[in-house]
């Protein structure tokens, strides 16, 4: 998928790749797209407290990926600050949505990986 996502066009592209057969309204689409903000909030809490709700984080990433397919990774990279990338990469690699060689300039978060190994 060779798509140039920008802050100006990501909504239109997300609508094109949206894959939820039960979605009947724009509110449902927005709810699925809102998962990016939920992921950011969970990681913010992790940064401030040192504790992560790994199950909730996994659920949001899975829902986002189920709704948008491989575009989800591009959406996360576009909409999140680079400081969130290590935590997100750890989840994406764990779920096998990306290879550990992808996002080659980003190291995985060791604490998140340890939490994932407990599952």
PDB file of N, CA and C in Angstrom:
ATOM      1  N   UNK A   1       0.848  -1.162   0.000  1.00  0.00           N
ATOM      2  CA  UNK A   1       0.000   0.000   0.000  1.00  0.00           C
ATOM      3  C   UNK A   1       0.897   1.229   0.000  1.00  0.00           C
ATOM      4  N   UNK A   2       0.916   1.913  -1.101  1.00  0.00           N
ATOM      5  CA  UNK A   2       1.787   3.066  -1.267  1.00  0.00           C
ATOM      6  C   UNK A   2       0.941   4.338  -1.290  1.00  0.00           C
ATOM      7  N   UNK A   3       0.464   4.734  -0.131  1.00  0.00           N
ATOM      8  CA  UNK A   3      -0.419   5.886  -0.021  1.00  0.00           C
ATOM      9  C   UNK A   3       0.300   6.970   0.760  1.00  0.00           C
ATOM     10  N   UNK A   4       0.225   8.187   0.268  1.00  0.00           N
ATOM     11  CA  UNK A   4       0.813   9.332   0.961  1.00  0.00           C
ATOM     12  C   UNK A   4      -0.248   9.934   1.874  1.00  0.00           C
ATOM     13  N   UNK A   5      -0.205   9.574   3.147  1.00  0.00           N
ATOM     14  CA  UNK A   5      -1.146  10.109   4.127  1.00  0.00           C
ATOM     15  C   UNK A   5      -0.644  11.449   4.643  1.00  0.00           C
ATOM     16  N   UNK A   6      -1.541  12.394   4.746  1.00  0.00           N
ATOM     17  CA  UNK A   6      -1.228  13.681   5.350  1.00  0.00           C
ATOM     18  C   UNK A   6      -2.349  14.035   6.310  1.00  0.00           C
ATOM     19  N   UNK A   7      -2.119  15.068   7.105  1.00  0.00           N
ATOM     20  CA  UNK A   7      -3.176  15.522   8.012  1.00  0.00           C
ATOM     21  C   UNK A   7      -4.379  16.056   7.253  1.00  0.00           C
ATOM     22  N   UNK A   8      -4.189  16.419   5.998  1.00  0.00           N
ATOM     23  CA  UNK A   8      -5.294  16.947   5.195  1.00  0.00           C
ATOM     24  C   UNK A   8      -6.126  15.867   4.518  1.00  0.00           C
ATOM     25  N   UNK A   9      -5.525  14.700   4.238  1.00  0.00           N
ATOM     26  CA  UNK A   9      -6.265  13.702   3.465  1.00  0.00           C
ATOM     27  C   UNK A   9      -6.547  12.392   4.202  1.00  0.00           C
ATOM     28  N   UNK A  10      -6.105  12.253   5.453  1.00  0.00           N
ATOM     29  CA  UNK A  10      -6.217  10.959   6.110  1.00  0.00           C
ATOM     30  C   UNK A  10      -7.666  10.528   6.344  1.00  0.00           C
ATOM     31  N   UNK A  11      -8.594  11.461   6.565  1.00  0.00           N
ATOM     32  CA  UNK A  11      -9.998  11.085   6.789  1.00  0.00           C
ATOM     33  C   UNK A  11     -10.584  10.471   5.520  1.00  0.00           C
ATOM     34  N   UNK A  12     -10.364  11.089   4.389  1.00  0.00           N
ATOM     35  CA  UNK A  12     -10.885  10.564   3.129  1.00  0.00           C
ATOM     36  C   UNK A  12     -10.301   9.204   2.794  1.00  0.00           C
ATOM     37  N   UNK A  13      -9.004   9.048   3.006  1.00  0.00           N
ATOM     38  CA  UNK A  13      -8.369   7.765   2.732  1.00  0.00           C
ATOM     39  C   UNK A  13      -8.860   6.710   3.724  1.00  0.00           C
ATOM     40  N   UNK A  14      -9.014   7.107   4.989  1.00  0.00           N
ATOM     41  CA  UNK A  14      -9.536   6.164   5.987  1.00  0.00           C
ATOM     42  C   UNK A  14     -10.945   5.708   5.612  1.00  0.00           C
ATOM     43  N   UNK A  15     -11.772   6.618   5.101  1.00  0.00           N
ATOM     44  CA  UNK A  15     -13.124   6.238   4.669  1.00  0.00           C
ATOM     45  C   UNK A  15     -13.065   5.232   3.523  1.00  0.00           C
ATOM     46  N   UNK A  16     -12.126   5.433   2.618  1.00  0.00           N
ATOM     47  CA  UNK A  16     -11.997   4.538   1.469  1.00  0.00           C
ATOM     48  C   UNK A  16     -11.617   3.127   1.912  1.00  0.00           C
ATOM     49  N   UNK A  17     -10.745   3.011   2.905  1.00  0.00           N
ATOM     50  CA  UNK A  17     -10.253   1.711   3.350  1.00  0.00           C
ATOM     51  C   UNK A  17     -11.041   1.143   4.534  1.00  0.00           C
ATOM     52  N   UNK A  18     -12.027   1.862   5.011  1.00  0.00           N
ATOM     53  CA  UNK A  18     -12.815   1.425   6.161  1.00  0.00           C
ATOM     54  C   UNK A  18     -13.535   0.130   5.829  1.00  0.00           C
ATOM     55  N   UNK A  19     -13.400  -0.855   6.708  1.00  0.00           N
ATOM     56  CA  UNK A  19     -13.965  -2.172   6.438  1.00  0.00           C
ATOM     57  C   UNK A  19     -14.738  -2.666   7.660  1.00  0.00           C
ATOM     58  N   UNK A  20     -15.922  -2.132   7.843  1.00  0.00           N
ATOM     59  CA  UNK A  20     -16.787  -2.574   8.932  1.00  0.00           C
ATOM     60  C   UNK A  20     -18.184  -2.727   8.350  1.00  0.00           C
ATOM     61  N   UNK A  21     -18.583  -3.953   8.069  1.00  0.00           N
ATOM     62  CA  UNK A  21     -19.861  -4.196   7.402  1.00  0.00           C
ATOM     63  C   UNK A  21     -21.054  -3.798   8.267  1.00  0.00           C
ATOM     64  N   UNK A  22     -20.845  -3.683   9.564  1.00  0.00           N
ATOM     65  CA  UNK A  22     -21.939  -3.317  10.452  1.00  0.00           C
ATOM     66  C   UNK A  22     -22.038  -1.814  10.677  1.00  0.00           C
ATOM     67  N   UNK A  23     -21.175  -1.060  10.048  1.00  0.00           N
ATOM     68  CA  UNK A  23     -21.190   0.394  10.200  1.00  0.00           C
ATOM     69  C   UNK A  23     -22.298   0.984   9.336  1.00  0.00           C
ATOM     70  N   UNK A  24     -23.169   1.725   9.973  1.00  0.00           N
ATOM     71  CA  UNK A  24     -24.285   2.341   9.258  1.00  0.00           C
ATOM     72  C   UNK A  24     -24.247   3.862   9.281  1.00  0.00           C
ATOM     73  N   UNK A  25     -23.412   4.430  10.137  1.00  0.00           N
ATOM     74  CA  UNK A  25     -23.414   5.880  10.294  1.00  0.00           C
ATOM     75  C   UNK A  25     -21.982   6.413  10.357  1.00  0.00           C
ATOM     76  N   UNK A  26     -21.877   7.694  10.144  1.00  0.00           N
ATOM     77  CA  UNK A  26     -20.580   8.367  10.253  1.00  0.00           C
ATOM     78  C   UNK A  26     -20.087   8.343  11.705  1.00  0.00           C
ATOM     79  N   UNK A  27     -21.016   8.298  12.656  1.00  0.00           N
ATOM     80  CA  UNK A  27     -20.641   8.246  14.064  1.00  0.00           C
ATOM     81  C   UNK A  27     -19.880   6.954  14.375  1.00  0.00           C
ATOM     82  N   UNK A  28     -20.291   5.855  13.760  1.00  0.00           N
ATOM     83  CA  UNK A  28     -19.599   4.585  13.968  1.00  0.00           C
ATOM     84  C   UNK A  28     -18.188   4.635  13.361  1.00  0.00           C
ATOM     85  N   UNK A  29     -18.072   5.241  12.190  1.00  0.00           N
ATOM     86  CA  UNK A  29     -16.762   5.428  11.577  1.00  0.00           C
ATOM     87  C   UNK A  29     -15.876   6.272  12.491  1.00  0.00           C
ATOM     88  N   UNK A  30     -16.419   7.381  12.981  1.00  0.00           N
ATOM     89  CA  UNK A  30     -15.654   8.261  13.875  1.00  0.00           C
ATOM     90  C   UNK A  30     -15.262   7.536  15.156  1.00  0.00           C
ATOM     91  N   UNK A  31     -16.139   6.678  15.659  1.00  0.00           N
ATOM     92  CA  UNK A  31     -15.842   5.911  16.860  1.00  0.00           C
ATOM     93  C   UNK A  31     -14.647   4.987  16.631  1.00  0.00           C
ATOM     94  N   UNK A  32     -14.607   4.344  15.464  1.00  0.00           N
ATOM     95  CA  UNK A  32     -13.478   3.472  15.167  1.00  0.00           C
ATOM     96  C   UNK A  32     -12.196   4.283  14.960  1.00  0.00           C
ATOM     97  N   UNK A  33     -12.292   5.426  14.313  1.00  0.00           N
ATOM     98  CA  UNK A  33     -11.130   6.281  14.118  1.00  0.00           C
ATOM     99  C   UNK A  33     -10.649   6.875  15.451  1.00  0.00           C
ATOM    100  N   UNK A  34     -11.572   7.049  16.387  1.00  0.00           N
ATOM    101  CA  UNK A  34     -11.253   7.588  17.713  1.00  0.00           C
ATOM    102  C   UNK A  34     -10.327   6.650  18.498  1.00  0.00           C
ATOM    103  N   UNK A  35     -10.225   5.410  18.071  1.00  0.00           N
ATOM    104  CA  UNK A  35      -9.346   4.451  18.760  1.00  0.00           C
ATOM    105  C   UNK A  35      -7.907   4.965  18.789  1.00  0.00           C
ATOM    106  N   UNK A  36      -7.521   5.752  17.814  1.00  0.00           N
ATOM    107  CA  UNK A  36      -6.168   6.324  17.801  1.00  0.00           C
ATOM    108  C   UNK A  36      -5.978   7.218  19.022  1.00  0.00           C
ATOM    109  N   UNK A  37      -6.977   8.024  19.336  1.00  0.00           N
ATOM    110  CA  UNK A  37      -6.893   8.899  20.510  1.00  0.00           C
ATOM    111  C   UNK A  37      -6.893   8.072  21.790  1.00  0.00           C
ATOM    112  N   UNK A  38      -7.686   7.004  21.818  1.00  0.00           N
ATOM    113  CA  UNK A  38      -7.709   6.123  22.985  1.00  0.00           C
ATOM    114  C   UNK A  38      -6.335   5.494  23.207  1.00  0.00           C
ATOM    115  N   UNK A  39      -5.697   5.070  22.129  1.00  0.00           N
ATOM    116  CA  UNK A  39      -4.361   4.482  22.219  1.00  0.00           C
ATOM    117  C   UNK A  39      -3.378   5.514  22.768  1.00  0.00           C
ATOM    118  N   UNK A  40      -3.481   6.751  22.290  1.00  0.00           N
ATOM    119  CA  UNK A  40      -2.617   7.826  22.783  1.00  0.00           C
ATOM    120  C   UNK A  40      -2.816   8.044  24.280  1.00  0.00           C
ATOM    121  N   UNK A  41      -4.066   8.053  24.728  1.00  0.00           N
ATOM    122  CA  UNK A  41      -4.353   8.277  26.150  1.00  0.00           C
ATOM    123  C   UNK A  41      -3.799   7.158  27.025  1.00  0.00           C
ATOM    124  N   UNK A  42      -3.923   5.922  26.568  1.00  0.00           N
ATOM    125  CA  UNK A  42      -3.402   4.795  27.337  1.00  0.00           C
ATOM    126  C   UNK A  42      -1.880   4.894  27.454  1.00  0.00           C
ATOM    127  N   UNK A  43      -1.225   5.246  26.351  1.00  0.00           N
ATOM    128  CA  UNK A  43       0.228   5.363  26.384  1.00  0.00           C
ATOM    129  C   UNK A  43       0.650   6.577  27.209  1.00  0.00           C
ATOM    130  N   UNK A  44      -0.117   7.665  27.171  1.00  0.00           N
ATOM    131  CA  UNK A  44       0.157   8.817  28.037  1.00  0.00           C
ATOM    132  C   UNK A  44       0.125   8.408  29.508  1.00  0.00           C
ATOM    133  N   UNK A  45      -0.891   7.637  29.883  1.00  0.00           N
ATOM    134  CA  UNK A  45      -0.990   7.150  31.266  1.00  0.00           C
ATOM    135  C   UNK A  45       0.209   6.272  31.610  1.00  0.00           C
ATOM    136  N   UNK A  46       0.616   5.465  30.661  1.00  0.00           N
ATOM    137  CA  UNK A  46       1.782   4.599  30.866  1.00  0.00           C
ATOM    138  C   UNK A  46       3.040   5.448  31.103  1.00  0.00           C
ATOM    139  N   UNK A  47       3.207   6.502  30.319  1.00  0.00           N
ATOM    140  CA  UNK A  47       4.369   7.375  30.489  1.00  0.00           C
ATOM    141  C   UNK A  47       4.348   8.082  31.847  1.00  0.00           C
ATOM    142  N   UNK A  48       3.180   8.496  32.296  1.00  0.00           N
ATOM    143  CA  UNK A  48       3.117   9.254  33.549  1.00  0.00           C
ATOM    144  C   UNK A  48       3.144   8.358  34.789  1.00  0.00           C
ATOM    145  N   UNK A  49       2.554   7.151  34.712  1.00  0.00           N
ATOM    146  CA  UNK A  49       2.473   6.307  35.902  1.00  0.00           C
ATOM    147  C   UNK A  49       3.416   5.112  35.872  1.00  0.00           C
ATOM    148  N   UNK A  50       3.875   4.735  34.685  1.00  0.00           N
ATOM    149  CA  UNK A  50       4.724   3.556  34.572  1.00  0.00           C
ATOM    150  C   UNK A  50       3.941   2.260  34.471  1.00  0.00           C
ATOM    151  N   UNK A  51       2.612   2.351  34.556  1.00  0.00           N
ATOM    152  CA  UNK A  51       1.752   1.171  34.462  1.00  0.00           C
ATOM    153  C   UNK A  51       0.935   1.254  33.185  1.00  0.00           C
ATOM    154  N   UNK A  52       0.726   0.091  32.561  1.00  0.00           N
ATOM    155  CA  UNK A  52      -0.009   0.068  31.309  1.00  0.00           C
ATOM    156  C   UNK A  52      -1.126  -0.969  31.392  1.00  0.00           C
ATOM    157  N   UNK A  53      -2.286  -0.597  30.898  1.00  0.00           N
ATOM    158  CA  UNK A  53      -3.389  -1.552  30.768  1.00  0.00           C
ATOM    159  C   UNK A  53      -3.214  -2.220  29.413  1.00  0.00           C
ATOM    160  N   UNK A  54      -2.432  -3.287  29.397  1.00  0.00           N
ATOM    161  CA  UNK A  54      -2.023  -3.914  28.149  1.00  0.00           C
ATOM    162  C   UNK A  54      -3.204  -4.522  27.397  1.00  0.00           C
ATOM    163  N   UNK A  55      -4.170  -5.065  28.123  1.00  0.00           N
ATOM    164  CA  UNK A  55      -5.341  -5.653  27.469  1.00  0.00           C
ATOM    165  C   UNK A  55      -6.144  -4.593  26.733  1.00  0.00           C
ATOM    166  N   UNK A  56      -6.355  -3.461  27.371  1.00  0.00           N
ATOM    167  CA  UNK A  56      -7.105  -2.378  26.738  1.00  0.00           C
ATOM    168  C   UNK A  56      -6.357  -1.826  25.526  1.00  0.00           C
ATOM    169  N   UNK A  57      -5.066  -1.676  25.670  1.00  0.00           N
ATOM    170  CA  UNK A  57      -4.243  -1.210  24.551  1.00  0.00           C
ATOM    171  C   UNK A  57      -4.323  -2.181  23.375  1.00  0.00           C
ATOM    172  N   UNK A  58      -4.200  -3.465  23.656  1.00  0.00           N
ATOM    173  CA  UNK A  58      -4.330  -4.476  22.607  1.00  0.00           C
ATOM    174  C   UNK A  58      -5.700  -4.409  21.938  1.00  0.00           C
ATOM    175  N   UNK A  59      -6.749  -4.281  22.738  1.00  0.00           N
ATOM    176  CA  UNK A  59      -8.104  -4.234  22.182  1.00  0.00           C
ATOM    177  C   UNK A  59      -8.281  -3.070  21.213  1.00  0.00           C
ATOM    178  N   UNK A  60      -7.804  -1.904  21.592  1.00  0.00           N
ATOM    179  CA  UNK A  60      -7.951  -0.733  20.721  1.00  0.00           C
ATOM    180  C   UNK A  60      -7.166  -0.897  19.421  1.00  0.00           C
ATOM    181  N   UNK A  61      -5.959  -1.433  19.509  1.00  0.00           N
ATOM    182  CA  UNK A  61      -5.152  -1.637  18.305  1.00  0.00           C
ATOM    183  C   UNK A  61      -5.804  -2.680  17.402  1.00  0.00           C
ATOM    184  N   UNK A  62      -6.329  -3.746  17.987  1.00  0.00           N
ATOM    185  CA  UNK A  62      -6.989  -4.790  17.187  1.00  0.00           C
ATOM    186  C   UNK A  62      -8.225  -4.241  16.493  1.00  0.00           C
ATOM    187  N   UNK A  63      -9.036  -3.472  17.206  1.00  0.00           N
ATOM    188  CA  UNK A  63     -10.232  -2.881  16.596  1.00  0.00           C
ATOM    189  C   UNK A  63      -9.843  -1.943  15.462  1.00  0.00           C
ATOM    190  N   UNK A  64      -8.832  -1.120  15.696  1.00  0.00           N
ATOM    191  CA  UNK A  64      -8.370  -0.204  14.660  1.00  0.00           C
ATOM    192  C   UNK A  64      -7.898  -0.978  13.430  1.00  0.00           C
ATOM    193  N   UNK A  65      -7.132  -2.023  13.651  1.00  0.00           N
ATOM    194  CA  UNK A  65      -6.626  -2.812  12.525  1.00  0.00           C
ATOM    195  C   UNK A  65      -7.757  -3.567  11.822  1.00  0.00           C
ATOM    196  N   UNK A  66      -8.708  -4.081  12.580  1.00  0.00           N
ATOM    197  CA  UNK A  66      -9.841  -4.781  11.959  1.00  0.00           C
ATOM    198  C   UNK A  66     -10.685  -3.832  11.115  1.00  0.00           C
ATOM    199  N   UNK A  67     -10.761  -2.588  11.509  1.00  0.00           N
ATOM    200  CA  UNK A  67     -11.581  -1.606  10.794  1.00  0.00           C
ATOM    201  C   UNK A  67     -10.874  -1.030   9.570  1.00  0.00           C
ATOM    202  N   UNK A  68      -9.568  -0.833   9.657  1.00  0.00           N
ATOM    203  CA  UNK A  68      -8.848  -0.137   8.590  1.00  0.00           C
ATOM    204  C   UNK A  68      -7.769  -0.982   7.912  1.00  0.00           C
ATOM    205  N   UNK A  69      -7.562  -2.207   8.356  1.00  0.00           N
ATOM    206  CA  UNK A  69      -6.564  -3.078   7.745  1.00  0.00           C
ATOM    207  C   UNK A  69      -5.163  -2.501   7.896  1.00  0.00           C
ATOM    208  N   UNK A  70      -4.299  -2.756   6.931  1.00  0.00           N
ATOM    209  CA  UNK A  70      -2.917  -2.275   7.011  1.00  0.00           C
ATOM    210  C   UNK A  70      -2.793  -0.747   7.071  1.00  0.00           C
ATOM    211  N   UNK A  71      -3.843  -0.033   6.700  1.00  0.00           N
ATOM    212  CA  UNK A  71      -3.811   1.426   6.800  1.00  0.00           C
ATOM    213  C   UNK A  71      -3.714   1.868   8.264  1.00  0.00           C
ATOM    214  N   UNK A  72      -4.133   1.015   9.187  1.00  0.00           N
ATOM    215  CA  UNK A  72      -4.111   1.361  10.610  1.00  0.00           C
ATOM    216  C   UNK A  72      -2.710   1.751  11.074  1.00  0.00           C
ATOM    217  N   UNK A  73      -1.700   1.007  10.623  1.00  0.00           N
ATOM    218  CA  UNK A  73      -0.331   1.317  11.027  1.00  0.00           C
ATOM    219  C   UNK A  73       0.096   2.689  10.521  1.00  0.00           C
ATOM    220  N   UNK A  74      -0.300   3.003   9.296  1.00  0.00           N
ATOM    221  CA  UNK A  74       0.030   4.319   8.729  1.00  0.00           C
ATOM    222  C   UNK A  74      -0.720   5.429   9.468  1.00  0.00           C
ATOM    223  N   UNK A  75      -1.966   5.158   9.836  1.00  0.00           N
ATOM    224  CA  UNK A  75      -2.744   6.146  10.592  1.00  0.00           C
ATOM    225  C   UNK A  75      -2.105   6.406  11.951  1.00  0.00           C
ATOM    226  N   UNK A  76      -1.680   5.345  12.617  1.00  0.00           N
ATOM    227  CA  UNK A  76      -1.031   5.515  13.920  1.00  0.00           C
ATOM    228  C   UNK A  76       0.248   6.330  13.794  1.00  0.00           C
ATOM    229  N   UNK A  77       1.021   6.030  12.769  1.00  0.00           N
ATOM    230  CA  UNK A  77       2.285   6.753  12.589  1.00  0.00           C
ATOM    231  C   UNK A  77       2.032   8.231  12.265  1.00  0.00           C
ATOM    232  N   UNK A  78       0.976   8.500  11.521  1.00  0.00           N
ATOM    233  CA  UNK A  78       0.659   9.884  11.166  1.00  0.00           C
ATOM    234  C   UNK A  78       0.104  10.662  12.361  1.00  0.00           C
ATOM    235  N   UNK A  79      -0.811  10.061  13.094  1.00  0.00           N
ATOM    236  CA  UNK A  79      -1.560  10.791  14.110  1.00  0.00           C
ATOM    237  C   UNK A  79      -0.902  10.829  15.494  1.00  0.00           C
ATOM    238  N   UNK A  80       0.098   9.966  15.726  1.00  0.00           N
ATOM    239  CA  UNK A  80       0.747   9.951  17.030  1.00  0.00           C
ATOM    240  C   UNK A  80       2.125  10.603  16.957  1.00  0.00           C
ATOM    241  N   UNK A  81       2.533  11.217  18.055  1.00  0.00           N
ATOM    242  CA  UNK A  81       3.883  11.775  18.156  1.00  0.00           C
ATOM    243  C   UNK A  81       4.906  10.638  18.150  1.00  0.00           C
ATOM    244  N   UNK A  82       6.105  10.967  17.744  1.00  0.00           N
ATOM    245  CA  UNK A  82       7.158   9.949  17.663  1.00  0.00           C
ATOM    246  C   UNK A  82       7.475   9.329  19.026  1.00  0.00           C
ATOM    247  N   UNK A  83       7.210  10.026  20.113  1.00  0.00           N
ATOM    248  CA  UNK A  83       7.502   9.461  21.433  1.00  0.00           C
ATOM    249  C   UNK A  83       6.638   8.232  21.735  1.00  0.00           C
ATOM    250  N   UNK A  84       5.508   8.085  21.025  1.00  0.00           N
ATOM    251  CA  UNK A  84       4.623   6.939  21.226  1.00  0.00           C
ATOM    252  C   UNK A  84       5.034   5.731  20.384  1.00  0.00           C
ATOM    253  N   UNK A  85       5.880   5.936  19.402  1.00  0.00           N
ATOM    254  CA  UNK A  85       6.220   4.878  18.449  1.00  0.00           C
ATOM    255  C   UNK A  85       6.767   3.597  19.084  1.00  0.00           C
ATOM    256  N   UNK A  86       7.688   3.675  20.073  1.00  0.00           N
ATOM    257  CA  UNK A  86       8.201   2.418  20.641  1.00  0.00           C
ATOM    258  C   UNK A  86       7.102   1.538  21.250  1.00  0.00           C
ATOM    259  N   UNK A  87       6.183   2.135  21.972  1.00  0.00           N
ATOM    260  CA  UNK A  87       5.087   1.363  22.573  1.00  0.00           C
ATOM    261  C   UNK A  87       4.179   0.788  21.498  1.00  0.00           C
ATOM    262  N   UNK A  88       3.847   1.594  20.509  1.00  0.00           N
ATOM    263  CA  UNK A  88       2.971   1.143  19.425  1.00  0.00           C
ATOM    264  C   UNK A  88       3.651   0.054  18.607  1.00  0.00           C
ATOM    265  N   UNK A  89       4.927   0.240  18.305  1.00  0.00           N
ATOM    266  CA  UNK A  89       5.646  -0.771  17.527  1.00  0.00           C
ATOM    267  C   UNK A  89       5.654  -2.104  18.268  1.00  0.00           C
ATOM    268  N   UNK A  90       5.832  -2.072  19.572  1.00  0.00           N
ATOM    269  CA  UNK A  90       5.841  -3.302  20.356  1.00  0.00           C
ATOM    270  C   UNK A  90       4.526  -4.055  20.220  1.00  0.00           C
ATOM    271  N   UNK A  91       3.425  -3.330  20.275  1.00  0.00           N
ATOM    272  CA  UNK A  91       2.097  -3.946  20.131  1.00  0.00           C
ATOM    273  C   UNK A  91       1.919  -4.493  18.716  1.00  0.00           C
ATOM    274  N   UNK A  92       2.270  -3.706  17.716  1.00  0.00           N
ATOM    275  CA  UNK A  92       2.090  -4.125  16.320  1.00  0.00           C
ATOM    276  C   UNK A  92       2.926  -5.358  15.984  1.00  0.00           C
ATOM    277  N   UNK A  93       4.141  -5.424  16.511  1.00  0.00           N
ATOM    278  CA  UNK A  93       4.988  -6.592  16.277  1.00  0.00           C
ATOM    279  C   UNK A  93       4.404  -7.801  17.004  1.00  0.00           C
ATOM    280  N   UNK A  94       3.971  -7.614  18.233  1.00  0.00           N
ATOM    281  CA  UNK A  94       3.368  -8.705  19.010  1.00  0.00           C
ATOM    282  C   UNK A  94       2.162  -9.298  18.288  1.00  0.00           C
ATOM    283  N   UNK A  95       1.335  -8.441  17.710  1.00  0.00           N
ATOM    284  CA  UNK A  95       0.144  -8.896  16.989  1.00  0.00           C
ATOM    285  C   UNK A  95       0.460  -9.377  15.574  1.00  0.00           C
ATOM    286  N   UNK A  96       1.726  -9.262  15.194  1.00  0.00           N
ATOM    287  CA  UNK A  96       2.193  -9.660  13.858  1.00  0.00           C
ATOM    288  C   UNK A  96       1.561  -8.833  12.742  1.00  0.00           C
ATOM    289  N   UNK A  97       1.247  -7.579  13.047  1.00  0.00           N
ATOM    290  CA  UNK A  97       0.752  -6.648  12.032  1.00  0.00           C
ATOM    291  C   UNK A  97       1.911  -6.055  11.238  1.00  0.00           C
ATOM    292  N   UNK A  98       3.082  -5.971  11.884  1.00  0.00           N
ATOM    293  CA  UNK A  98       4.297  -5.530  11.204  1.00  0.00           C
ATOM    294  C   UNK A  98       5.439  -6.448  11.639  1.00  0.00           C
ATOM    295  N   UNK A  99       6.510  -6.462  10.858  1.00  0.00           N
ATOM    296  CA  UNK A  99       7.713  -7.195  11.241  1.00  0.00           C
ATOM    297  C   UNK A  99       8.549  -6.316  12.155  1.00  0.00           C
ATOM    298  N   UNK A 100       9.416  -6.937  12.930  1.00  0.00           N
ATOM    299  CA  UNK A 100      10.267  -6.140  13.819  1.00  0.00           C
ATOM    300  C   UNK A 100      11.248  -5.278  13.027  1.00  0.00           C
ATOM    301  N   UNK A 101      11.453  -5.611  11.742  1.00  0.00           N
ATOM    302  CA  UNK A 101      12.317  -4.792  10.887  1.00  0.00           C
ATOM    303  C   UNK A 101      11.606  -3.547  10.366  1.00  0.00           C
ATOM    304  N   UNK A 102      10.268  -3.559  10.371  1.00  0.00           N
ATOM    305  CA  UNK A 102       9.510  -2.385   9.955  1.00  0.00           C
ATOM    306  C   UNK A 102       9.704  -1.294  11.012  1.00  0.00           C
ATOM    307  N   UNK A 103       9.462  -0.090  10.616  1.00  0.00           N
ATOM    308  CA  UNK A 103       9.697   1.061  11.491  1.00  0.00           C
ATOM    309  C   UNK A 103      11.128   0.942  12.023  1.00  0.00           C
ATOM    310  N   UNK A 104      12.070   0.699  11.106  1.00  0.00           N
ATOM    311  CA  UNK A 104      13.449   0.380  11.455  1.00  0.00           C
ATOM    312  C   UNK A 104      14.141   1.432  12.314  1.00  0.00           C
ATOM    313  N   UNK A 105      13.663   2.636  12.297  1.00  0.00           N
ATOM    314  CA  UNK A 105      14.272   3.696  13.097  1.00  0.00           C
ATOM    315  C   UNK A 105      13.697   3.774  14.513  1.00  0.00           C
ATOM    316  N   UNK A 106      12.796   2.833  14.863  1.00  0.00           N
ATOM    317  CA  UNK A 106      12.129   2.846  16.164  1.00  0.00           C
ATOM    318  C   UNK A 106      12.477   1.567  16.917  1.00  0.00           C
ATOM    319  N   UNK A 107      12.916   1.720  18.167  1.00  0.00           N
ATOM    320  CA  UNK A 107      13.175   0.572  19.036  1.00  0.00           C
ATOM    321  C   UNK A 107      11.903   0.211  19.779  1.00  0.00           C
ATOM    322  N   UNK A 108      11.743  -1.064  20.061  1.00  0.00           N
ATOM    323  CA  UNK A 108      10.571  -1.510  20.798  1.00  0.00           C
ATOM    324  C   UNK A 108      10.713  -1.163  22.275  1.00  0.00           C
ATOM    325  N   UNK A 109       9.592  -0.974  22.943  1.00  0.00           N
ATOM    326  CA  UNK A 109       9.549  -0.632  24.359  1.00  0.00           C
ATOM    327  C   UNK A 109       9.687  -1.913  25.188  1.00  0.00           C
ATOM    328  N   UNK A 110      10.737  -2.013  25.981  1.00  0.00           N
ATOM    329  CA  UNK A 110      11.040  -3.226  26.734  1.00  0.00           C
ATOM    330  C   UNK A 110       9.961  -3.531  27.763  1.00  0.00           C
ATOM    331  N   UNK A 111       9.470  -2.512  28.443  1.00  0.00           N
ATOM    332  CA  UNK A 111       8.451  -2.752  29.475  1.00  0.00           C
ATOM    333  C   UNK A 111       7.145  -3.258  28.844  1.00  0.00           C
ATOM    334  N   UNK A 112       6.764  -2.696  27.729  1.00  0.00           N
ATOM    335  CA  UNK A 112       5.562  -3.167  27.028  1.00  0.00           C
ATOM    336  C   UNK A 112       5.776  -4.613  26.578  1.00  0.00           C
ATOM    337  N   UNK A 113       6.943  -4.922  26.038  1.00  0.00           N
ATOM    338  CA  UNK A 113       7.231  -6.288  25.610  1.00  0.00           C
ATOM    339  C   UNK A 113       7.141  -7.277  26.768  1.00  0.00           C
ATOM    340  N   UNK A 114       7.642  -6.873  27.933  1.00  0.00           N
ATOM    341  CA  UNK A 114       7.559  -7.741  29.108  1.00  0.00           C
ATOM    342  C   UNK A 114       6.103  -7.967  29.516  1.00  0.00           C
ATOM    343  N   UNK A 115       5.295  -6.937  29.448  1.00  0.00           N
ATOM    344  CA  UNK A 115       3.861  -7.091  29.756  1.00  0.00           C
ATOM    345  C   UNK A 115       3.186  -8.021  28.759  1.00  0.00           C
ATOM    346  N   UNK A 116       3.552  -7.903  27.494  1.00  0.00           N
ATOM    347  CA  UNK A 116       2.962  -8.744  26.446  1.00  0.00           C
ATOM    348  C   UNK A 116       3.364 -10.210  26.641  1.00  0.00           C
ATOM    349  N   UNK A 117       4.554 -10.441  27.110  1.00  0.00           N
ATOM    350  CA  UNK A 117       5.019 -11.830  27.328  1.00  0.00           C
ATOM    351  C   UNK A 117       4.244 -12.508  28.447  1.00  0.00           C
ATOM    352  N   UNK A 118       3.662 -11.744  29.346  1.00  0.00           N
ATOM    353  CA  UNK A 118       2.876 -12.300  30.450  1.00  0.00           C
ATOM    354  C   UNK A 118       1.521 -12.826  30.008  1.00  0.00           C
ATOM    355  N   UNK A 119       1.111 -12.424  28.826  1.00  0.00           N
ATOM    356  CA  UNK A 119      -0.223 -12.814  28.328  1.00  0.00           C
ATOM    357  C   UNK A 119      -0.197 -14.260  27.883  1.00  0.00           C
TER     358      UNK A 119
END
